[in-house]
Amino acid sequence: MRGQEISKTVPEDMALTIVFEPGAKGPGDMKVIWNGIQVTFMDMAEIVNQLCKNEDIIYPKPKYRGGQMLIDFMQEVYDNGEITDDICQRYRLGKYKPNALTKIS
């Protein structure tokens, strides 16, 4: 089974490639490989934590939702099973949705 790739347009020397490869923990298990390195829960937690902290700075509470908006977005994507245009529009992210993103099932 070949992994699916998500690429963004960036300078060649900074290309971002995310590949989903079959894991070893059972049927349907998928590993996330980011530029050749497997991403762990700890990696994702650190990334999400830093993104939330940044959102708290640029969109401070109580006027804005800060990092909670990112958490809400991620929860909605999880509950829905994929990133949709409706979700992106609700979070004002429609213009940023990569066309290559697909649901992995």
Protein backbone atom coordinates (compact mmCIF):
# COMPACT_ATOMS: atom_id res chain seq x y z
CA MET A 1 0.00 0.00 0.00
CA ARG A 2 1.44 3.34 -1.02
CA GLY A 3 1.25 6.33 1.34
CA GLN A 4 -0.71 9.42 0.33
CA GLU A 5 1.23 12.67 0.08
CA ILE A 6 0.19 16.23 0.87
CA SER A 7 2.53 18.82 -0.61
CA LYS A 8 2.46 22.60 -0.43
CA THR A 9 4.05 25.05 -2.80
CA VAL A 10 7.24 26.24 -1.11
CA PRO A 11 10.80 26.79 -2.26
CA GLU A 12 12.40 23.52 -3.36
CA ASP A 13 14.93 23.55 -0.51
CA MET A 14 12.09 23.88 2.03
CA ALA A 15 9.55 21.47 0.55
CA LEU A 16 7.02 20.10 3.02
CA THR A 17 5.89 16.55 2.44
CA ILE A 18 3.47 14.63 4.64
CA VAL A 19 3.04 10.95 3.87
CA PHE A 20 0.55 8.56 5.50
CA GLU A 21 1.96 5.05 5.59
CA PRO A 22 0.51 1.81 6.94
CA GLY A 23 1.46 1.20 10.56
CA ALA A 24 2.11 -2.08 12.35
CA LYS A 25 -0.52 -1.91 15.11
CA GLY A 26 -3.32 -3.49 13.13
CA PRO A 27 -5.61 -3.08 10.14
CA GLY A 28 -6.12 0.58 9.25
CA ASP A 29 -3.23 1.81 11.42
CA MET A 30 -1.51 4.73 9.70
CA LYS A 31 1.76 6.47 10.51
CA VAL A 32 2.25 10.16 9.74
CA ILE A 33 5.65 10.81 8.14
CA TRP A 34 6.62 14.50 7.89
CA ASN A 35 9.65 15.13 5.68
CA GLY A 36 10.85 11.60 6.32
CA ILE A 37 10.34 11.63 10.12
CA GLN A 38 7.51 9.85 11.92
CA VAL A 39 5.38 12.30 13.91
CA THR A 40 4.58 11.22 17.47
CA PHE A 41 1.81 12.29 19.84
CA MET A 42 4.42 14.28 21.78
CA ASP A 43 5.47 16.09 18.59
CA MET A 44 1.85 16.95 17.81
CA ALA A 45 1.19 18.06 21.38
CA GLU A 46 4.16 20.44 21.27
CA ILE A 47 3.10 21.84 17.88
CA VAL A 48 -0.52 22.35 18.97
CA ASN A 49 0.56 23.85 22.30
CA GLN A 50 2.82 26.39 20.57
CA LEU A 51 0.15 27.24 17.99
CA CYS A 52 -2.40 27.79 20.78
CA LYS A 53 0.00 30.02 22.72
CA ASN A 54 0.57 32.07 19.57
CA GLU A 55 -3.19 32.36 18.94
CA ASP A 56 -3.61 33.53 22.57
CA ILE A 57 -1.08 36.30 21.87
CA ILE A 58 -2.46 37.51 18.55
CA TYR A 59 -6.15 36.96 19.43
CA PRO A 60 -6.24 37.57 23.22
CA LYS A 61 -9.16 36.68 25.45
CA PRO A 62 -11.74 37.86 26.37
CA LYS A 63 -12.29 39.77 23.13
CA TYR A 64 -11.23 36.77 21.01
CA ARG A 65 -11.07 33.01 21.52
CA GLY A 66 -7.30 32.66 21.14
CA GLY A 67 -5.98 29.13 21.13
CA GLN A 68 -9.39 27.74 22.05
CA MET A 69 -10.49 28.48 18.48
CA LEU A 70 -7.75 26.15 17.17
CA ILE A 71 -8.86 23.44 19.61
CA ASP A 72 -12.49 23.92 18.54
CA PHE A 73 -11.48 23.74 14.86
CA MET A 74 -9.54 20.53 15.41
CA GLN A 75 -12.44 19.00 17.40
CA GLU A 76 -14.89 19.85 14.63
CA VAL A 77 -12.60 18.33 11.98
CA TYR A 78 -12.23 15.20 14.11
CA ASP A 79 -15.99 14.92 14.70
CA ASN A 80 -16.67 15.42 10.97
CA GLY A 81 -13.96 13.02 9.79
CA GLU A 82 -12.43 15.43 7.29
CA ILE A 83 -11.68 19.08 6.59
CA THR A 84 -14.57 20.57 4.64
CA ASP A 85 -15.06 23.93 2.97
CA ASP A 86 -17.91 24.64 5.42
CA ILE A 87 -15.64 24.12 8.42
CA CYS A 88 -12.89 26.23 6.84
CA GLN A 89 -15.35 29.03 6.11
CA ARG A 90 -16.71 28.91 9.66
CA TYR A 91 -13.17 29.45 10.96
CA ARG A 92 -12.31 31.87 8.14
CA LEU A 93 -9.76 29.42 6.71
CA GLY A 94 -11.38 28.69 3.34
CA LYS A 95 -8.63 30.29 1.29
CA TYR A 96 -6.02 28.20 3.08
CA LYS A 97 -7.49 24.73 2.55
CA PRO A 98 -5.05 22.69 0.47
CA ASN A 99 -6.81 21.00 -2.44
CA ALA A 100 -4.72 17.86 -1.93
CA LEU A 101 -6.11 17.06 1.53
CA THR A 102 -8.19 13.92 1.49
CA LYS A 103 -9.92 11.77 4.04
CA ILE A 104 -7.96 8.66 4.96
CA SER A 105 -10.22 5.79 5.98
